[in-house]
Amino acid sequence: MKPFRRITSRVVPLDRANVDTDAIIPKQFLKSIRRSGFGPYLFDEWRYLDHGEPDMDCSHRPLNPDFVLNRPIYWRAQILLTRENFGCGSSREHAPWALEDYGFRVILAPSFADIFYNNCFKNGLLPIVLAAETVDRLFGECQPGTMMTVDLPSQTITTHFGECIAFAVDPSRKHRLVNGLDDIALTLQHAEAIKAYEARRAAETPWLFNAMN
């Protein structure tokens, strides 16, 4: 998982509430359990004018000109600004996979669905909860090309106009993101302790380990 410290990026305004996981990554793409390759299908039914299927070459698909992500100014943007209850619906982890694979690192919203919110931290995304009034103001200020800086160590957002907005984040989740630690990496930090425990158990109860061989 890529460490997250400080990014400066254009802001993509997705002015929709209750964006569910089926809109983020439609159900036909859930056949794959790989964590990569979902970016081209992010918001598939909104981005394209045809029906998407797994392994399609999206480079020649007809784009929806009215969908914000298809505007060239937002290419490679890493910050998504959206409305309340983002990520509702099913518990599919493919939703944060698709957002991260596309290139997003930060999602700003008044609220998130609980499971989606938790899955974001496990996959290198920073979901930031802001007051609805703050989100309203940011939407009002957001123009094509508007930039923003998100600094995780200081837990601040610096807007295009120089305003500094503080945000809260759980310390353990902050530690994971700053250091790029997913569940496996967190476990490997205790590899020596695990090996010592296994050796001790093998010495104390050898019959258990002999039965496994």
C-alpha atoms as a PDB file:
ATOM      1  CA  MET A   1       0.000   0.000   0.000  1.00  0.00           C
ATOM      2  CA  LYS A   2       1.380   3.432  -0.949  1.00  0.00           C
ATOM      3  CA  PRO A   3       2.157   5.719   2.002  1.00  0.00           C
ATOM      4  CA  PHE A   4      -0.041   8.783   2.279  1.00  0.00           C
ATOM      5  CA  ARG A   5       1.422  12.000   3.633  1.00  0.00           C
ATOM      6  CA  ARG A   6       0.647  15.103   1.592  1.00  0.00           C
ATOM      7  CA  ILE A   7      -0.941  15.567  -1.818  1.00  0.00           C
ATOM      8  CA  THR A   8      -1.882  18.560  -3.911  1.00  0.00           C
ATOM      9  CA  SER A   9      -4.402  17.868  -6.645  1.00  0.00           C
ATOM     10  CA  ARG A  10      -7.346  19.125  -8.611  1.00  0.00           C
ATOM     11  CA  VAL A  11     -10.697  18.463  -6.959  1.00  0.00           C
ATOM     12  CA  VAL A  12     -13.406  16.488  -8.790  1.00  0.00           C
ATOM     13  CA  PRO A  13     -16.885  17.680  -7.704  1.00  0.00           C
ATOM     14  CA  LEU A  14     -19.333  14.758  -7.795  1.00  0.00           C
ATOM     15  CA  ASP A  15     -22.493  16.513  -6.658  1.00  0.00           C
ATOM     16  CA  ARG A  16     -24.549  13.424  -5.809  1.00  0.00           C
ATOM     17  CA  ALA A  17     -25.789  12.038  -2.503  1.00  0.00           C
ATOM     18  CA  ASN A  18     -26.182   8.345  -1.634  1.00  0.00           C
ATOM     19  CA  VAL A  19     -23.716   7.093  -4.254  1.00  0.00           C
ATOM     20  CA  ASP A  20     -23.832   3.345  -3.725  1.00  0.00           C
ATOM     21  CA  THR A  21     -21.174   0.738  -4.373  1.00  0.00           C
ATOM     22  CA  ASP A  22     -23.001  -0.569  -7.451  1.00  0.00           C
ATOM     23  CA  ALA A  23     -22.636   2.888  -9.005  1.00  0.00           C
ATOM     24  CA  ILE A  24     -18.974   3.028  -7.986  1.00  0.00           C
ATOM     25  CA  ILE A  25     -18.235  -0.378  -9.540  1.00  0.00           C
ATOM     26  CA  PRO A  26     -21.185  -2.285 -11.112  1.00  0.00           C
ATOM     27  CA  LYS A  27     -21.876  -5.883 -10.156  1.00  0.00           C
ATOM     28  CA  GLN A  28     -20.655  -7.462 -13.406  1.00  0.00           C
ATOM     29  CA  PHE A  29     -17.080  -6.519 -12.495  1.00  0.00           C
ATOM     30  CA  LEU A  30     -17.121  -8.385  -9.177  1.00  0.00           C
ATOM     31  CA  LYS A  31     -16.086 -11.673 -10.779  1.00  0.00           C
ATOM     32  CA  SER A  32     -12.467 -10.684 -10.368  1.00  0.00           C
ATOM     33  CA  ILE A  33     -10.786 -10.847  -6.954  1.00  0.00           C
ATOM     34  CA  ARG A  34      -7.671  -9.025  -8.130  1.00  0.00           C
ATOM     35  CA  ARG A  35      -7.181  -5.686  -6.414  1.00  0.00           C
ATOM     36  CA  SER A  36      -6.043  -3.945  -9.591  1.00  0.00           C
ATOM     37  CA  GLY A  37      -7.521  -3.224 -13.001  1.00  0.00           C
ATOM     38  CA  PHE A  38     -10.831  -1.730 -11.818  1.00  0.00           C
ATOM     39  CA  GLY A  39      -9.977   1.917 -12.508  1.00  0.00           C
ATOM     40  CA  PRO A  40     -11.234   1.985 -16.120  1.00  0.00           C
ATOM     41  CA  TYR A  41     -14.644   0.757 -14.887  1.00  0.00           C
ATOM     42  CA  LEU A  42     -15.059   3.249 -12.035  1.00  0.00           C
ATOM     43  CA  PHE A  43     -18.568   4.782 -12.228  1.00  0.00           C
ATOM     44  CA  ASP A  44     -18.967   2.700 -15.388  1.00  0.00           C
ATOM     45  CA  GLU A  45     -22.668   3.321 -15.992  1.00  0.00           C
ATOM     46  CA  TRP A  46     -22.184   7.080 -15.623  1.00  0.00           C
ATOM     47  CA  ARG A  47     -18.909   7.426 -17.521  1.00  0.00           C
ATOM     48  CA  TYR A  48     -19.859   5.487 -20.662  1.00  0.00           C
ATOM     49  CA  LEU A  49     -22.832   5.448 -23.010  1.00  0.00           C
ATOM     50  CA  ASP A  50     -22.656   1.684 -23.604  1.00  0.00           C
ATOM     51  CA  HIS A  51     -22.866  -1.303 -21.256  1.00  0.00           C
ATOM     52  CA  GLY A  52     -19.568  -2.326 -19.716  1.00  0.00           C
ATOM     53  CA  GLU A  53     -18.322  -5.866 -19.213  1.00  0.00           C
ATOM     54  CA  PRO A  54     -15.131  -7.228 -17.614  1.00  0.00           C
ATOM     55  CA  ASP A  55     -11.973  -7.044 -19.734  1.00  0.00           C
ATOM     56  CA  MET A  56     -13.477  -4.576 -22.207  1.00  0.00           C
ATOM     57  CA  ASP A  57     -11.073  -2.144 -23.844  1.00  0.00           C
ATOM     58  CA  CYS A  58     -12.400   1.136 -22.468  1.00  0.00           C
ATOM     59  CA  SER A  59     -10.178   3.277 -24.704  1.00  0.00           C
ATOM     60  CA  HIS A  60     -12.695   3.041 -27.562  1.00  0.00           C
ATOM     61  CA  ARG A  61     -15.950   3.123 -25.587  1.00  0.00           C
ATOM     62  CA  PRO A  62     -18.313   6.108 -26.100  1.00  0.00           C
ATOM     63  CA  LEU A  63     -17.991   8.570 -23.212  1.00  0.00           C
ATOM     64  CA  ASN A  64     -20.833  10.416 -21.532  1.00  0.00           C
ATOM     65  CA  PRO A  65     -19.888  14.074 -22.136  1.00  0.00           C
ATOM     66  CA  ASP A  66     -22.036  15.228 -19.217  1.00  0.00           C
ATOM     67  CA  PHE A  67     -20.230  13.173 -16.571  1.00  0.00           C
ATOM     68  CA  VAL A  68     -17.714  15.207 -14.599  1.00  0.00           C
ATOM     69  CA  LEU A  69     -14.933  12.606 -14.659  1.00  0.00           C
ATOM     70  CA  ASN A  70     -14.826  12.735 -18.457  1.00  0.00           C
ATOM     71  CA  ARG A  71     -13.725  16.373 -18.560  1.00  0.00           C
ATOM     72  CA  PRO A  72     -10.020  16.540 -19.526  1.00  0.00           C
ATOM     73  CA  ILE A  73      -9.302  19.061 -16.756  1.00  0.00           C
ATOM     74  CA  TYR A  74      -9.896  16.318 -14.160  1.00  0.00           C
ATOM     75  CA  TRP A  75      -7.517  13.756 -15.653  1.00  0.00           C
ATOM     76  CA  ARG A  76      -5.337  12.296 -12.900  1.00  0.00           C
ATOM     77  CA  ALA A  77      -7.182  14.166 -10.147  1.00  0.00           C
ATOM     78  CA  GLN A  78      -6.697  12.565  -6.736  1.00  0.00           C
ATOM     79  CA  ILE A  79      -9.359  14.302  -4.608  1.00  0.00           C
ATOM     80  CA  LEU A  80     -13.082  13.555  -4.887  1.00  0.00           C
ATOM     81  CA  LEU A  81     -15.631  15.937  -3.361  1.00  0.00           C
ATOM     82  CA  THR A  82     -19.068  14.434  -2.945  1.00  0.00           C
ATOM     83  CA  ARG A  83     -22.235  14.402  -0.850  1.00  0.00           C
ATOM     84  CA  GLU A  84     -23.586  12.458   2.115  1.00  0.00           C
ATOM     85  CA  ASN A  85     -23.738   8.681   2.545  1.00  0.00           C
ATOM     86  CA  PHE A  86     -21.079   7.960  -0.058  1.00  0.00           C
ATOM     87  CA  GLY A  87     -20.385   4.238  -0.503  1.00  0.00           C
ATOM     88  CA  CYS A  88     -23.751   2.961   0.696  1.00  0.00           C
ATOM     89  CA  GLY A  89     -25.180  -0.342  -0.527  1.00  0.00           C
ATOM     90  CA  SER A  90     -23.271  -3.603  -0.411  1.00  0.00           C
ATOM     91  CA  SER A  91     -20.043  -4.286   1.459  1.00  0.00           C
ATOM     92  CA  ARG A  92     -17.999  -4.983  -1.680  1.00  0.00           C
ATOM     93  CA  GLU A  93     -14.341  -4.081  -1.268  1.00  0.00           C
ATOM     94  CA  HIS A  94     -14.132  -3.622  -5.027  1.00  0.00           C
ATOM     95  CA  ALA A  95     -15.464  -0.062  -4.576  1.00  0.00           C
ATOM     96  CA  PRO A  96     -12.351   1.333  -2.850  1.00  0.00           C
ATOM     97  CA  TRP A  97     -10.216  -0.853  -5.151  1.00  0.00           C
ATOM     98  CA  ALA A  98     -11.733   0.918  -8.173  1.00  0.00           C
ATOM     99  CA  LEU A  99     -11.351   4.400  -6.687  1.00  0.00           C
ATOM    100  CA  GLU A 100      -7.741   3.773  -5.711  1.00  0.00           C
ATOM    101  CA  ASP A 101      -6.887   2.102  -9.026  1.00  0.00           C
ATOM    102  CA  TYR A 102      -8.293   5.116 -10.891  1.00  0.00           C
ATOM    103  CA  GLY A 103      -5.981   7.374  -8.907  1.00  0.00           C
ATOM    104  CA  PHE A 104      -8.078   8.865  -6.115  1.00  0.00           C
ATOM    105  CA  ARG A 105      -6.415   9.143  -2.707  1.00  0.00           C
ATOM    106  CA  VAL A 106      -8.902  11.386  -0.838  1.00  0.00           C
ATOM    107  CA  ILE A 107     -12.698  11.494  -0.633  1.00  0.00           C
ATOM    108  CA  LEU A 108     -14.404  14.455   1.046  1.00  0.00           C
ATOM    109  CA  ALA A 109     -18.018  14.045   2.137  1.00  0.00           C
ATOM    110  CA  PRO A 110     -20.405  14.852   5.025  1.00  0.00           C
ATOM    111  CA  SER A 111     -20.796  11.121   5.748  1.00  0.00           C
ATOM    112  CA  PHE A 112     -19.875   7.667   4.499  1.00  0.00           C
ATOM    113  CA  ALA A 113     -21.410   4.206   4.742  1.00  0.00           C
ATOM    114  CA  ASP A 114     -19.651   2.439   7.634  1.00  0.00           C
ATOM    115  CA  ILE A 115     -18.283  -0.611   5.792  1.00  0.00           C
ATOM    116  CA  PHE A 116     -17.075   1.455   2.839  1.00  0.00           C
ATOM    117  CA  TYR A 117     -15.423   3.916   5.239  1.00  0.00           C
ATOM    118  CA  ASN A 118     -13.513   1.119   6.975  1.00  0.00           C
ATOM    119  CA  ASN A 119     -12.510  -0.494   3.668  1.00  0.00           C
ATOM    120  CA  CYS A 120     -11.022   2.787   2.435  1.00  0.00           C
ATOM    121  CA  PHE A 121      -8.356   2.858   5.142  1.00  0.00           C
ATOM    122  CA  LYS A 122      -7.407  -0.743   4.370  1.00  0.00           C
ATOM    123  CA  ASN A 123      -6.810   0.130   0.726  1.00  0.00           C
ATOM    124  CA  GLY A 124      -4.861   3.386   0.859  1.00  0.00           C
ATOM    125  CA  LEU A 125      -7.767   5.826   0.599  1.00  0.00           C
ATOM    126  CA  LEU A 126      -8.365   8.684   3.040  1.00  0.00           C
ATOM    127  CA  PRO A 127     -12.100   9.338   3.581  1.00  0.00           C
ATOM    128  CA  ILE A 128     -12.540  12.698   5.321  1.00  0.00           C
ATOM    129  CA  VAL A 129     -15.794  13.590   7.053  1.00  0.00           C
ATOM    130  CA  LEU A 130     -16.565  17.314   6.929  1.00  0.00           C
ATOM    131  CA  ALA A 131     -19.557  19.289   8.127  1.00  0.00           C
ATOM    132  CA  ALA A 132     -22.320  19.548   5.525  1.00  0.00           C
ATOM    133  CA  GLU A 133     -21.980  23.347   5.566  1.00  0.00           C
ATOM    134  CA  THR A 134     -18.267  23.051   4.791  1.00  0.00           C
ATOM    135  CA  VAL A 135     -18.957  20.664   1.908  1.00  0.00           C
ATOM    136  CA  ASP A 136     -21.608  23.067   0.575  1.00  0.00           C
ATOM    137  CA  ARG A 137     -19.068  25.900   0.652  1.00  0.00           C
ATOM    138  CA  LEU A 138     -16.409  23.796  -1.070  1.00  0.00           C
ATOM    139  CA  PHE A 139     -18.851  22.902  -3.833  1.00  0.00           C
ATOM    140  CA  GLY A 140     -19.638  26.590  -4.247  1.00  0.00           C
ATOM    141  CA  GLU A 141     -15.942  27.428  -4.551  1.00  0.00           C
ATOM    142  CA  CYS A 142     -15.054  24.480  -6.782  1.00  0.00           C
ATOM    143  CA  GLN A 143     -14.410  25.454 -10.369  1.00  0.00           C
ATOM    144  CA  PRO A 144     -12.730  23.378 -13.116  1.00  0.00           C
ATOM    145  CA  GLY A 145      -9.084  23.216 -12.151  1.00  0.00           C
ATOM    146  CA  THR A 146      -9.567  24.139  -8.496  1.00  0.00           C
ATOM    147  CA  MET A 147      -6.637  22.798  -6.465  1.00  0.00           C
ATOM    148  CA  MET A 148      -6.487  21.584  -2.874  1.00  0.00           C
ATOM    149  CA  THR A 149      -3.772  20.253  -0.574  1.00  0.00           C
ATOM    150  CA  VAL A 150      -4.455  17.492   1.948  1.00  0.00           C
ATOM    151  CA  ASP A 151      -1.814  16.969   4.631  1.00  0.00           C
ATOM    152  CA  LEU A 152      -2.406  13.855   6.708  1.00  0.00           C
ATOM    153  CA  PRO A 153       0.349  14.299   9.342  1.00  0.00           C
ATOM    154  CA  SER A 154      -1.031  17.742  10.241  1.00  0.00           C
ATOM    155  CA  GLN A 155      -4.641  16.682   9.516  1.00  0.00           C
ATOM    156  CA  THR A 156      -5.360  19.800   7.470  1.00  0.00           C
ATOM    157  CA  ILE A 157      -6.905  20.711   4.131  1.00  0.00           C
ATOM    158  CA  THR A 158      -5.694  23.865   2.410  1.00  0.00           C
ATOM    159  CA  THR A 159      -8.166  25.146  -0.146  1.00  0.00           C
ATOM    160  CA  HIS A 160      -7.582  26.989  -3.397  1.00  0.00           C
ATOM    161  CA  PHE A 161      -8.222  30.246  -1.521  1.00  0.00           C
ATOM    162  CA  GLY A 162      -5.792  29.521   1.294  1.00  0.00           C
ATOM    163  CA  GLU A 163      -8.328  28.496   3.914  1.00  0.00           C
ATOM    164  CA  CYS A 164      -7.035  25.827   6.318  1.00  0.00           C
ATOM    165  CA  ILE A 165      -9.607  23.229   7.394  1.00  0.00           C
ATOM    166  CA  ALA A 166      -8.793  20.754  10.154  1.00  0.00           C
ATOM    167  CA  PHE A 167     -10.148  17.216  10.013  1.00  0.00           C
ATOM    168  CA  ALA A 168     -10.266  14.300  12.433  1.00  0.00           C
ATOM    169  CA  VAL A 169      -8.895  10.812  11.835  1.00  0.00           C
ATOM    170  CA  ASP A 170      -8.424   7.836  14.125  1.00  0.00           C
ATOM    171  CA  PRO A 171      -4.742   7.681  15.233  1.00  0.00           C
ATOM    172  CA  SER A 172      -4.315   3.998  14.351  1.00  0.00           C
ATOM    173  CA  ARG A 173      -5.783   4.518  10.879  1.00  0.00           C
ATOM    174  CA  LYS A 174      -3.607   7.580  10.399  1.00  0.00           C
ATOM    175  CA  HIS A 175      -0.553   5.484  11.327  1.00  0.00           C
ATOM    176  CA  ARG A 176      -1.520   2.858   8.759  1.00  0.00           C
ATOM    177  CA  LEU A 177      -1.912   5.364   5.931  1.00  0.00           C
ATOM    178  CA  VAL A 178       1.148   7.471   6.710  1.00  0.00           C
ATOM    179  CA  ASN A 179       3.311   4.345   6.750  1.00  0.00           C
ATOM    180  CA  GLY A 180       1.552   2.497   3.925  1.00  0.00           C
ATOM    181  CA  LEU A 181       0.564  -0.472   6.084  1.00  0.00           C
ATOM    182  CA  ASP A 182      -2.227  -2.813   5.014  1.00  0.00           C
ATOM    183  CA  ASP A 183      -3.389  -5.747   7.183  1.00  0.00           C
ATOM    184  CA  ILE A 184      -0.596  -8.021   5.959  1.00  0.00           C
ATOM    185  CA  ALA A 185       2.104  -5.409   6.528  1.00  0.00           C
ATOM    186  CA  LEU A 186       0.785  -4.748  10.028  1.00  0.00           C
ATOM    187  CA  THR A 187       1.022  -8.455  10.809  1.00  0.00           C
ATOM    188  CA  LEU A 188       4.545  -8.720   9.397  1.00  0.00           C
ATOM    189  CA  GLN A 189       5.679  -6.039  11.831  1.00  0.00           C
ATOM    190  CA  HIS A 190       5.274  -8.732  14.502  1.00  0.00           C
ATOM    191  CA  ALA A 191       6.950 -11.503  12.486  1.00  0.00           C
ATOM    192  CA  GLU A 192       9.679 -12.172  15.046  1.00  0.00           C
ATOM    193  CA  ALA A 193       7.181 -12.389  17.905  1.00  0.00           C
ATOM    194  CA  ILE A 194       5.039 -14.782  15.859  1.00  0.00           C
ATOM    195  CA  LYS A 195       8.042 -16.997  15.101  1.00  0.00           C
ATOM    196  CA  ALA A 196       9.020 -17.030  18.768  1.00  0.00           C
ATOM    197  CA  TYR A 197       5.484 -17.981  19.780  1.00  0.00           C
ATOM    198  CA  GLU A 198       5.361 -20.807  17.227  1.00  0.00           C
ATOM    199  CA  ALA A 199       8.723 -22.137  18.426  1.00  0.00           C
ATOM    200  CA  ARG A 200       7.577 -22.018  22.050  1.00  0.00           C
ATOM    201  CA  ARG A 201       4.317 -23.789  21.242  1.00  0.00           C
ATOM    202  CA  ALA A 202       6.178 -26.464  19.278  1.00  0.00           C
ATOM    203  CA  ALA A 203       8.405 -27.110  22.284  1.00  0.00           C
ATOM    204  CA  GLU A 204       5.528 -27.172  24.783  1.00  0.00           C
ATOM    205  CA  THR A 205       3.081 -29.247  22.722  1.00  0.00           C
ATOM    206  CA  PRO A 206       5.145 -31.192  20.155  1.00  0.00           C
ATOM    207  CA  TRP A 207       2.326 -33.694  19.568  1.00  0.00           C
ATOM    208  CA  LEU A 208       0.210 -30.967  17.945  1.00  0.00           C
ATOM    209  CA  PHE A 209       2.912 -30.102  15.448  1.00  0.00           C
ATOM    210  CA  ASN A 210       3.855 -33.734  14.788  1.00  0.00           C
ATOM    211  CA  ALA A 211       0.237 -34.471  13.895  1.00  0.00           C
ATOM    212  CA  MET A 212       0.377 -31.745  11.285  1.00  0.00           C
ATOM    213  CA  ASN A 213       3.472 -33.158   9.565  1.00  0.00           C
END
